[in-house]
C-alpha atoms as a PDB file:
ATOM      1  CA  MET A   1     -39.651 -92.962 -44.355  1.00  0.00           C
ATOM      2  CA  THR A   2     -38.195 -95.194 -46.980  1.00  0.00           C
ATOM      3  CA  LEU A   3     -36.587 -94.374 -50.416  1.00  0.00           C
ATOM      4  CA  SER A   4     -39.419 -96.145 -52.374  1.00  0.00           C
ATOM      5  CA  ALA A   5     -43.065 -96.285 -51.823  1.00  0.00           C
ATOM      6  CA  LEU A   6     -43.461 -99.807 -53.626  1.00  0.00           C
ATOM      7  CA  ILE A   7     -40.469-101.442 -51.865  1.00  0.00           C
ATOM      8  CA  SER A   8     -40.841-102.523 -48.311  1.00  0.00           C
ATOM      9  CA  GLN A   9     -37.641-104.382 -47.878  1.00  0.00           C
ATOM     10  CA  CYS A  10     -34.693-105.653 -50.054  1.00  0.00           C
ATOM     11  CA  PHE A  11     -32.133-108.269 -49.530  1.00  0.00           C
ATOM     12  CA  VAL A  12     -29.143-108.700 -52.013  1.00  0.00           C
ATOM     13  CA  TYR A  13     -26.908-111.657 -51.766  1.00  0.00           C
ATOM     14  CA  GLY A  14     -23.605-111.920 -53.852  1.00  0.00           C
ATOM     15  CA  ASP A  15     -21.094-114.693 -54.102  1.00  0.00           C
ATOM     16  CA  SER A  16     -17.606-113.870 -55.341  1.00  0.00           C
ATOM     17  CA  LEU A  17     -17.575-117.314 -57.016  1.00  0.00           C
ATOM     18  CA  ARG A  18     -20.827-116.470 -58.997  1.00  0.00           C
ATOM     19  CA  ASN A  19     -21.323-114.010 -62.102  1.00  0.00           C
ATOM     20  CA  ALA A  20     -24.569-112.408 -60.773  1.00  0.00           C
ATOM     21  CA  CYS A  21     -26.246-111.256 -57.488  1.00  0.00           C
ATOM     22  CA  VAL A  22     -29.639-112.286 -56.249  1.00  0.00           C
ATOM     23  CA  ALA A  23     -32.267-109.864 -54.851  1.00  0.00           C
ATOM     24  CA  VAL A  24     -35.048-110.857 -52.908  1.00  0.00           C
ATOM     25  CA  VAL A  25     -37.529-107.821 -52.893  1.00  0.00           C
ATOM     26  CA  ILE A  26     -40.515-107.414 -50.665  1.00  0.00           C
ATOM     27  CA  PRO A  27     -43.331-105.118 -52.098  1.00  0.00           C
ATOM     28  CA  GLU A  28     -45.120-102.576 -49.868  1.00  0.00           C
ATOM     29  CA  GLU A  29     -48.686-103.989 -50.122  1.00  0.00           C
ATOM     30  CA  ALA A  30     -50.598-100.753 -49.511  1.00  0.00           C
ATOM     31  CA  ALA A  31     -48.609 -98.719 -52.194  1.00  0.00           C
ATOM     32  CA  VAL A  32     -49.097-101.745 -54.554  1.00  0.00           C
ATOM     33  CA  VAL A  33     -52.777-101.871 -54.116  1.00  0.00           C
ATOM     34  CA  GLN A  34     -52.938 -98.024 -54.705  1.00  0.00           C
ATOM     35  CA  TRP A  35     -50.638 -98.314 -57.703  1.00  0.00           C
ATOM     36  CA  ALA A  36     -52.869-101.085 -59.156  1.00  0.00           C
ATOM     37  CA  THR A  37     -55.989 -99.146 -58.715  1.00  0.00           C
ATOM     38  CA  GLU A  38     -54.348 -96.157 -60.218  1.00  0.00           C
ATOM     39  CA  GLN A  39     -53.381 -98.117 -63.332  1.00  0.00           C
ATOM     40  CA  GLY A  40     -56.835 -99.560 -63.593  1.00  0.00           C
ATOM     41  CA  ILE A  41     -55.766-103.260 -62.890  1.00  0.00           C
ATOM     42  CA  ASN A  42     -58.494-105.591 -61.642  1.00  0.00           C
ATOM     43  CA  PHE A  43     -57.550-107.985 -58.709  1.00  0.00           C
ATOM     44  CA  SER A  44     -59.440-109.655 -55.946  1.00  0.00           C
ATOM     45  CA  ALA A  45     -56.560-110.024 -53.526  1.00  0.00           C
ATOM     46  CA  PRO A  46     -53.016-108.099 -53.373  1.00  0.00           C
ATOM     47  CA  GLU A  47     -51.300-111.538 -53.866  1.00  0.00           C
ATOM     48  CA  GLN A  48     -52.576-111.705 -57.403  1.00  0.00           C
ATOM     49  CA  LEU A  49     -50.634-108.328 -58.103  1.00  0.00           C
ATOM     50  CA  TYR A  50     -47.232-109.621 -57.328  1.00  0.00           C
ATOM     51  CA  SER A  51     -46.990-111.770 -60.400  1.00  0.00           C
ATOM     52  CA  ASN A  52     -48.229-108.829 -62.697  1.00  0.00           C
ATOM     53  CA  GLN A  53     -45.619-107.924 -65.343  1.00  0.00           C
ATOM     54  CA  GLN A  54     -46.278-104.213 -65.293  1.00  0.00           C
ATOM     55  CA  LEU A  55     -45.940-104.168 -61.300  1.00  0.00           C
ATOM     56  CA  LYS A  56     -42.473-106.111 -61.697  1.00  0.00           C
ATOM     57  CA  GLN A  57     -41.308-103.540 -64.407  1.00  0.00           C
ATOM     58  CA  GLU A  58     -42.248-100.780 -62.097  1.00  0.00           C
ATOM     59  CA  ILE A  59     -40.434-102.137 -58.978  1.00  0.00           C
ATOM     60  CA  GLY A  60     -37.410-102.853 -61.368  1.00  0.00           C
ATOM     61  CA  LYS A  61     -37.441 -99.025 -62.489  1.00  0.00           C
ATOM     62  CA  GLU A  62     -37.458 -98.279 -58.783  1.00  0.00           C
ATOM     63  CA  MET A  63     -34.516-100.504 -58.143  1.00  0.00           C
ATOM     64  CA  LEU A  64     -32.543 -98.935 -60.867  1.00  0.00           C
ATOM     65  CA  ARG A  65     -33.524 -95.437 -59.607  1.00  0.00           C
ATOM     66  CA  LEU A  66     -32.117 -96.347 -56.089  1.00  0.00           C
ATOM     67  CA  ALA A  67     -29.134 -98.171 -57.295  1.00  0.00           C
END
């Protein structure tokens, strides 16, 4: 069982010579589709959801919760 239904995988990279870290977040497709359906967001393919601003905010909230 994972700690977040919306996040399948996450990779964080930090470089001591840089001021910020980089995170690559892989959404959990089934959970994202369910979330979008519950939110009333129309889409024809799950890939369309990954650029949705509401989804990005929701995943951001999950990342903050887990941090």
